[in-house]
Amino acid sequence: MKIQILGTGCPKCKTLAANAEAAAKELGVACEIEKVTDIDKIMSFGVMMTPALAVDGQIKSVGKVLTPEQIKGYLK
């Protein structure tokens, strides 16, 4: 499983990355977490607001800092 955090590195992006890592760890899911900071690559996903969360290349959330509990729903 590949989890991507799309954002420029702002505090909200960092919080979302930490929450995604916590959710994966709590579920015991083996995953790779990638931080996508390149604006062109972020826009190639069709994302106009950050932070955004993608799981296996599919956008799951845009413009929100999800809690670990919310992220777990996308990882199951």
PDB file of N, CA and C in Angstrom:
ATOM      1  N   MET A   1       0.850  -1.178   0.000  1.00  0.00           N
ATOM      2  CA  MET A   1       0.000   0.000   0.000  1.00  0.00           C
ATOM      3  C   MET A   1       0.892   1.235   0.000  1.00  0.00           C
ATOM      4  N   LYS A   2       0.481   2.240  -0.757  1.00  0.00           N
ATOM      5  CA  LYS A   2       1.241   3.489  -0.819  1.00  0.00           C
ATOM      6  C   LYS A   2       0.337   4.641  -0.385  1.00  0.00           C
ATOM      7  N   ILE A   3       0.779   5.349   0.637  1.00  0.00           N
ATOM      8  CA  ILE A   3       0.054   6.524   1.122  1.00  0.00           C
ATOM      9  C   ILE A   3       0.856   7.744   0.704  1.00  0.00           C
ATOM     10  N   GLN A   4       0.175   8.689   0.056  1.00  0.00           N
ATOM     11  CA  GLN A   4       0.850   9.914  -0.367  1.00  0.00           C
ATOM     12  C   GLN A   4       0.212  11.107   0.326  1.00  0.00           C
ATOM     13  N   ILE A   5       1.062  11.974   0.869  1.00  0.00           N
ATOM     14  CA  ILE A   5       0.631  13.215   1.476  1.00  0.00           C
ATOM     15  C   ILE A   5       1.014  14.311   0.490  1.00  0.00           C
ATOM     16  N   LEU A   6       0.023  14.991  -0.055  1.00  0.00           N
ATOM     17  CA  LEU A   6       0.272  16.036  -1.040  1.00  0.00           C
ATOM     18  C   LEU A   6       0.206  17.388  -0.355  1.00  0.00           C
ATOM     19  N   GLY A   7       1.300  18.122  -0.404  1.00  0.00           N
ATOM     20  CA  GLY A   7       1.346  19.439   0.218  1.00  0.00           C
ATOM     21  C   GLY A   7       2.751  19.995   0.173  1.00  0.00           C
ATOM     22  N   THR A   8       2.861  21.264   0.438  1.00  0.00           N
ATOM     23  CA  THR A   8       4.141  21.961   0.302  1.00  0.00           C
ATOM     24  C   THR A   8       5.022  21.871   1.542  1.00  0.00           C
ATOM     25  N   GLY A   9       4.547  21.211   2.573  1.00  0.00           N
ATOM     26  CA  GLY A   9       5.344  21.078   3.791  1.00  0.00           C
ATOM     27  C   GLY A   9       4.896  21.994   4.913  1.00  0.00           C
ATOM     28  N   CYS A  10       3.704  22.507   4.814  1.00  0.00           N
ATOM     29  CA  CYS A  10       3.154  23.389   5.855  1.00  0.00           C
ATOM     30  C   CYS A  10       2.837  22.562   7.104  1.00  0.00           C
ATOM     31  N   PRO A  11       2.579  23.220   8.227  1.00  0.00           N
ATOM     32  CA  PRO A  11       2.258  22.480   9.455  1.00  0.00           C
ATOM     33  C   PRO A  11       1.080  21.514   9.298  1.00  0.00           C
ATOM     34  N   LYS A  12       0.056  21.895   8.532  1.00  0.00           N
ATOM     35  CA  LYS A  12      -1.094  21.003   8.330  1.00  0.00           C
ATOM     36  C   LYS A  12      -0.680  19.747   7.578  1.00  0.00           C
ATOM     37  N   CYS A  13       0.207  19.919   6.589  1.00  0.00           N
ATOM     38  CA  CYS A  13       0.694  18.775   5.815  1.00  0.00           C
ATOM     39  C   CYS A  13       1.476  17.828   6.713  1.00  0.00           C
ATOM     40  N   LYS A  14       2.290  18.383   7.574  1.00  0.00           N
ATOM     41  CA  LYS A  14       3.097  17.569   8.489  1.00  0.00           C
ATOM     42  C   LYS A  14       2.211  16.820   9.478  1.00  0.00           C
ATOM     43  N   THR A  15       1.155  17.469   9.941  1.00  0.00           N
ATOM     44  CA  THR A  15       0.217  16.818  10.867  1.00  0.00           C
ATOM     45  C   THR A  15      -0.496  15.670  10.174  1.00  0.00           C
ATOM     46  N   LEU A  16      -0.926  15.896   8.921  1.00  0.00           N
ATOM     47  CA  LEU A  16      -1.605  14.835   8.172  1.00  0.00           C
ATOM     48  C   LEU A  16      -0.664  13.647   7.965  1.00  0.00           C
ATOM     49  N   ALA A  17       0.603  13.913   7.666  1.00  0.00           N
ATOM     50  CA  ALA A  17       1.580  12.835   7.483  1.00  0.00           C
ATOM     51  C   ALA A  17       1.751  12.034   8.770  1.00  0.00           C
ATOM     52  N   ALA A  18       1.855  12.730   9.889  1.00  0.00           N
ATOM     53  CA  ALA A  18       2.006  12.057  11.186  1.00  0.00           C
ATOM     54  C   ALA A  18       0.768  11.231  11.513  1.00  0.00           C
ATOM     55  N   ASN A  19      -0.408  11.768  11.221  1.00  0.00           N
ATOM     56  CA  ASN A  19      -1.653  11.045  11.486  1.00  0.00           C
ATOM     57  C   ASN A  19      -1.772   9.805  10.601  1.00  0.00           C
ATOM     58  N   ALA A  20      -1.339   9.911   9.346  1.00  0.00           N
ATOM     59  CA  ALA A  20      -1.381   8.762   8.436  1.00  0.00           C
ATOM     60  C   ALA A  20      -0.442   7.664   8.927  1.00  0.00           C
ATOM     61  N   GLU A  21       0.733   8.066   9.385  1.00  0.00           N
ATOM     62  CA  GLU A  21       1.702   7.104   9.905  1.00  0.00           C
ATOM     63  C   GLU A  21       1.150   6.408  11.145  1.00  0.00           C
ATOM     64  N   ALA A  22       0.511   7.185  12.020  1.00  0.00           N
ATOM     65  CA  ALA A  22      -0.078   6.618  13.238  1.00  0.00           C
ATOM     66  C   ALA A  22      -1.200   5.641  12.899  1.00  0.00           C
ATOM     67  N   ALA A  23      -2.043   6.001  11.938  1.00  0.00           N
ATOM     68  CA  ALA A  23      -3.162   5.134  11.549  1.00  0.00           C
ATOM     69  C   ALA A  23      -2.648   3.810  10.988  1.00  0.00           C
ATOM     70  N   ALA A  24      -1.646   3.877  10.123  1.00  0.00           N
ATOM     71  CA  ALA A  24      -1.092   2.656   9.530  1.00  0.00           C
ATOM     72  C   ALA A  24      -0.463   1.773  10.604  1.00  0.00           C
ATOM     73  N   LYS A  25       0.237   2.402  11.536  1.00  0.00           N
ATOM     74  CA  LYS A  25       0.902   1.656  12.607  1.00  0.00           C
ATOM     75  C   LYS A  25      -0.126   0.980  13.506  1.00  0.00           C
ATOM     76  N   GLU A  26      -1.208   1.705  13.849  1.00  0.00           N
ATOM     77  CA  GLU A  26      -2.241   1.150  14.723  1.00  0.00           C
ATOM     78  C   GLU A  26      -2.947  -0.037  14.067  1.00  0.00           C
ATOM     79  N   LEU A  27      -3.117   0.023  12.736  1.00  0.00           N
ATOM     80  CA  LEU A  27      -3.774  -1.071  12.020  1.00  0.00           C
ATOM     81  C   LEU A  27      -2.804  -2.199  11.686  1.00  0.00           C
ATOM     82  N   GLY A  28      -1.514  -1.934  11.822  1.00  0.00           N
ATOM     83  CA  GLY A  28      -0.523  -2.936  11.459  1.00  0.00           C
ATOM     84  C   GLY A  28      -0.422  -3.127   9.952  1.00  0.00           C
ATOM     85  N   VAL A  29      -0.709  -2.077   9.207  1.00  0.00           N
ATOM     86  CA  VAL A  29      -0.686  -2.129   7.740  1.00  0.00           C
ATOM     87  C   VAL A  29       0.725  -1.797   7.251  1.00  0.00           C
ATOM     88  N   ALA A  30       1.227  -2.650   6.383  1.00  0.00           N
ATOM     89  CA  ALA A  30       2.531  -2.369   5.774  1.00  0.00           C
ATOM     90  C   ALA A  30       2.308  -1.370   4.643  1.00  0.00           C
ATOM     91  N   CYS A  31       2.981  -0.230   4.739  1.00  0.00           N
ATOM     92  CA  CYS A  31       2.771   0.786   3.715  1.00  0.00           C
ATOM     93  C   CYS A  31       4.009   1.647   3.546  1.00  0.00           C
ATOM     94  N   GLU A  32       4.023   2.333   2.421  1.00  0.00           N
ATOM     95  CA  GLU A  32       5.065   3.316   2.139  1.00  0.00           C
ATOM     96  C   GLU A  32       4.387   4.683   2.204  1.00  0.00           C
ATOM     97  N   ILE A  33       4.968   5.604   2.963  1.00  0.00           N
ATOM     98  CA  ILE A  33       4.411   6.952   3.041  1.00  0.00           C
ATOM     99  C   ILE A  33       5.321   7.892   2.268  1.00  0.00           C
ATOM    100  N   GLU A  34       4.738   8.550   1.273  1.00  0.00           N
ATOM    101  CA  GLU A  34       5.493   9.464   0.423  1.00  0.00           C
ATOM    102  C   GLU A  34       4.930  10.871   0.586  1.00  0.00           C
ATOM    103  N   LYS A  35       5.813  11.830   0.748  1.00  0.00           N
ATOM    104  CA  LYS A  35       5.391  13.228   0.818  1.00  0.00           C
ATOM    105  C   LYS A  35       5.637  13.852  -0.549  1.00  0.00           C
ATOM    106  N   VAL A  36       4.557  14.292  -1.175  1.00  0.00           N
ATOM    107  CA  VAL A  36       4.645  14.903  -2.505  1.00  0.00           C
ATOM    108  C   VAL A  36       4.596  16.413  -2.320  1.00  0.00           C
ATOM    109  N   THR A  37       5.714  17.085  -2.592  1.00  0.00           N
ATOM    110  CA  THR A  37       5.789  18.535  -2.375  1.00  0.00           C
ATOM    111  C   THR A  37       5.882  19.325  -3.676  1.00  0.00           C
ATOM    112  N   ASP A  38       6.106  18.647  -4.798  1.00  0.00           N
ATOM    113  CA  ASP A  38       6.217  19.331  -6.083  1.00  0.00           C
ATOM    114  C   ASP A  38       4.832  19.790  -6.557  1.00  0.00           C
ATOM    115  N   ILE A  39       4.679  21.095  -6.763  1.00  0.00           N
ATOM    116  CA  ILE A  39       3.377  21.672  -7.129  1.00  0.00           C
ATOM    117  C   ILE A  39       2.821  21.047  -8.410  1.00  0.00           C
ATOM    118  N   ASP A  40       3.673  20.840  -9.413  1.00  0.00           N
ATOM    119  CA  ASP A  40       3.198  20.250 -10.670  1.00  0.00           C
ATOM    120  C   ASP A  40       2.662  18.843 -10.461  1.00  0.00           C
ATOM    121  N   LYS A  41       3.350  18.077  -9.624  1.00  0.00           N
ATOM    122  CA  LYS A  41       2.897  16.714  -9.357  1.00  0.00           C
ATOM    123  C   LYS A  41       1.591  16.730  -8.559  1.00  0.00           C
ATOM    124  N   ILE A  42       1.485  17.648  -7.606  1.00  0.00           N
ATOM    125  CA  ILE A  42       0.243  17.774  -6.828  1.00  0.00           C
ATOM    126  C   ILE A  42      -0.923  18.109  -7.771  1.00  0.00           C
ATOM    127  N   MET A  43      -0.686  19.058  -8.671  1.00  0.00           N
ATOM    128  CA  MET A  43      -1.748  19.460  -9.607  1.00  0.00           C
ATOM    129  C   MET A  43      -2.098  18.339 -10.587  1.00  0.00           C
ATOM    130  N   SER A  44      -1.131  17.443 -10.877  1.00  0.00           N
ATOM    131  CA  SER A  44      -1.421  16.328 -11.788  1.00  0.00           C
ATOM    132  C   SER A  44      -2.461  15.374 -11.186  1.00  0.00           C
ATOM    133  N   PHE A  45      -2.601  15.409  -9.858  1.00  0.00           N
ATOM    134  CA  PHE A  45      -3.642  14.624  -9.192  1.00  0.00           C
ATOM    135  C   PHE A  45      -5.003  15.329  -9.269  1.00  0.00           C
ATOM    136  N   GLY A  46      -5.011  16.590  -9.743  1.00  0.00           N
ATOM    137  CA  GLY A  46      -6.250  17.362  -9.773  1.00  0.00           C
ATOM    138  C   GLY A  46      -6.525  18.057  -8.452  1.00  0.00           C
ATOM    139  N   VAL A  47      -5.509  18.138  -7.601  1.00  0.00           N
ATOM    140  CA  VAL A  47      -5.667  18.740  -6.273  1.00  0.00           C
ATOM    141  C   VAL A  47      -5.352  20.229  -6.348  1.00  0.00           C
ATOM    142  N   MET A  48      -6.272  21.057  -5.849  1.00  0.00           N
ATOM    143  CA  MET A  48      -6.077  22.499  -5.838  1.00  0.00           C
ATOM    144  C   MET A  48      -5.912  23.052  -4.427  1.00  0.00           C
ATOM    145  N   MET A  49      -6.238  22.237  -3.418  1.00  0.00           N
ATOM    146  CA  MET A  49      -6.077  22.640  -2.019  1.00  0.00           C
ATOM    147  C   MET A  49      -5.282  21.580  -1.294  1.00  0.00           C
ATOM    148  N   THR A  50      -4.380  22.021  -0.439  1.00  0.00           N
ATOM    149  CA  THR A  50      -3.618  21.069   0.353  1.00  0.00           C
ATOM    150  C   THR A  50      -3.943  21.264   1.828  1.00  0.00           C
ATOM    151  N   PRO A  51      -3.696  20.312   2.668  1.00  0.00           N
ATOM    152  CA  PRO A  51      -3.093  19.030   2.358  1.00  0.00           C
ATOM    153  C   PRO A  51      -4.101  18.075   1.721  1.00  0.00           C
ATOM    154  N   ALA A  52      -3.580  17.086   1.014  1.00  0.00           N
ATOM    155  CA  ALA A  52      -4.428  16.056   0.422  1.00  0.00           C
ATOM    156  C   ALA A  52      -3.826  14.694   0.753  1.00  0.00           C
ATOM    157  N   LEU A  53      -4.696  13.700   0.787  1.00  0.00           N
ATOM    158  CA  LEU A  53      -4.288  12.334   1.095  1.00  0.00           C
ATOM    159  C   LEU A  53      -4.675  11.439  -0.072  1.00  0.00           C
ATOM    160  N   ALA A  54      -3.713  10.659  -0.551  1.00  0.00           N
ATOM    161  CA  ALA A  54      -3.982   9.674  -1.598  1.00  0.00           C
ATOM    162  C   ALA A  54      -3.548   8.309  -1.082  1.00  0.00           C
ATOM    163  N   VAL A  55      -4.359   7.301  -1.393  1.00  0.00           N
ATOM    164  CA  VAL A  55      -4.031   5.927  -1.044  1.00  0.00           C
ATOM    165  C   VAL A  55      -3.999   5.130  -2.338  1.00  0.00           C
ATOM    166  N   ASP A  56      -2.854   4.544  -2.636  1.00  0.00           N
ATOM    167  CA  ASP A  56      -2.639   3.793  -3.871  1.00  0.00           C
ATOM    168  C   ASP A  56      -3.029   4.612  -5.107  1.00  0.00           C
ATOM    169  N   GLY A  57      -2.656   5.886  -5.086  1.00  0.00           N
ATOM    170  CA  GLY A  57      -2.872   6.756  -6.242  1.00  0.00           C
ATOM    171  C   GLY A  57      -4.248   7.371  -6.346  1.00  0.00           C
ATOM    172  N   GLN A  58      -5.140   7.057  -5.418  1.00  0.00           N
ATOM    173  CA  GLN A  58      -6.504   7.602  -5.441  1.00  0.00           C
ATOM    174  C   GLN A  58      -6.651   8.648  -4.349  1.00  0.00           C
ATOM    175  N   ILE A  59      -7.120   9.837  -4.734  1.00  0.00           N
ATOM    176  CA  ILE A  59      -7.327  10.919  -3.767  1.00  0.00           C
ATOM    177  C   ILE A  59      -8.480  10.556  -2.842  1.00  0.00           C
ATOM    178  N   LYS A  60      -8.227  10.662  -1.543  1.00  0.00           N
ATOM    179  CA  LYS A  60      -9.253  10.342  -0.537  1.00  0.00           C
ATOM    180  C   LYS A  60      -9.735  11.580   0.208  1.00  0.00           C
ATOM    181  N   SER A  61      -8.881  12.592   0.311  1.00  0.00           N
ATOM    182  CA  SER A  61      -9.234  13.791   1.063  1.00  0.00           C
ATOM    183  C   SER A  61      -8.453  14.978   0.529  1.00  0.00           C
ATOM    184  N   VAL A  62      -9.114  16.138   0.482  1.00  0.00           N
ATOM    185  CA  VAL A  62      -8.473  17.373   0.006  1.00  0.00           C
ATOM    186  C   VAL A  62      -8.808  18.507   0.960  1.00  0.00           C
ATOM    187  N   GLY A  63      -7.777  19.250   1.364  1.00  0.00           N
ATOM    188  CA  GLY A  63      -7.992  20.454   2.165  1.00  0.00           C
ATOM    189  C   GLY A  63      -8.337  20.225   3.621  1.00  0.00           C
ATOM    190  N   LYS A  64      -8.134  18.998   4.117  1.00  0.00           N
ATOM    191  CA  LYS A  64      -8.475  18.695   5.509  1.00  0.00           C
ATOM    192  C   LYS A  64      -7.324  17.965   6.181  1.00  0.00           C
ATOM    193  N   VAL A  65      -7.208  18.173   7.477  1.00  0.00           N
ATOM    194  CA  VAL A  65      -6.274  17.384   8.278  1.00  0.00           C
ATOM    195  C   VAL A  65      -7.109  16.304   8.950  1.00  0.00           C
ATOM    196  N   LEU A  66      -7.052  15.100   8.389  1.00  0.00           N
ATOM    197  CA  LEU A  66      -7.826  13.994   8.938  1.00  0.00           C
ATOM    198  C   LEU A  66      -7.168  13.464  10.204  1.00  0.00           C
ATOM    199  N   THR A  67      -7.985  12.948  11.102  1.00  0.00           N
ATOM    200  CA  THR A  67      -7.466  12.305  12.313  1.00  0.00           C
ATOM    201  C   THR A  67      -7.014  10.890  11.951  1.00  0.00           C
ATOM    202  N   PRO A  68      -6.191  10.282  12.809  1.00  0.00           N
ATOM    203  CA  PRO A  68      -5.827   8.881  12.542  1.00  0.00           C
ATOM    204  C   PRO A  68      -7.046   7.982  12.393  1.00  0.00           C
ATOM    205  N   GLU A  69      -8.075   8.220  13.183  1.00  0.00           N
ATOM    206  CA  GLU A  69      -9.293   7.402  13.092  1.00  0.00           C
ATOM    207  C   GLU A  69      -9.956   7.529  11.724  1.00  0.00           C
ATOM    208  N   GLN A  70     -10.015   8.756  11.184  1.00  0.00           N
ATOM    209  CA  GLN A  70     -10.614   8.959   9.864  1.00  0.00           C
ATOM    210  C   GLN A  70      -9.774   8.267   8.785  1.00  0.00           C
ATOM    211  N   ILE A  71      -8.469   8.355   8.910  1.00  0.00           N
ATOM    212  CA  ILE A  71      -7.572   7.765   7.913  1.00  0.00           C
ATOM    213  C   ILE A  71      -7.675   6.245   7.927  1.00  0.00           C
ATOM    214  N   LYS A  72      -7.883   5.660   9.107  1.00  0.00           N
ATOM    215  CA  LYS A  72      -8.008   4.200   9.210  1.00  0.00           C
ATOM    216  C   LYS A  72      -9.111   3.680   8.291  1.00  0.00           C
ATOM    217  N   GLY A  73     -10.182   4.439   8.148  1.00  0.00           N
ATOM    218  CA  GLY A  73     -11.286   4.025   7.277  1.00  0.00           C
ATOM    219  C   GLY A  73     -10.859   3.855   5.830  1.00  0.00           C
ATOM    220  N   TYR A  74      -9.882   4.620   5.393  1.00  0.00           N
ATOM    221  CA  TYR A  74      -9.389   4.523   4.014  1.00  0.00           C
ATOM    222  C   TYR A  74      -8.355   3.415   3.852  1.00  0.00           C
ATOM    223  N   LEU A  75      -7.772   2.959   4.951  1.00  0.00           N
ATOM    224  CA  LEU A  75      -6.713   1.962   4.879  1.00  0.00           C
ATOM    225  C   LEU A  75      -7.218   0.531   5.019  1.00  0.00           C
ATOM    226  N   LYS A  76      -8.456   0.376   5.460  1.00  0.00           N
ATOM    227  CA  LYS A  76      -8.993  -0.977   5.681  1.00  0.00           C
ATOM    228  C   LYS A  76      -9.391  -1.619   4.363  1.00  0.00           C
TER     229      LYS A  76
END
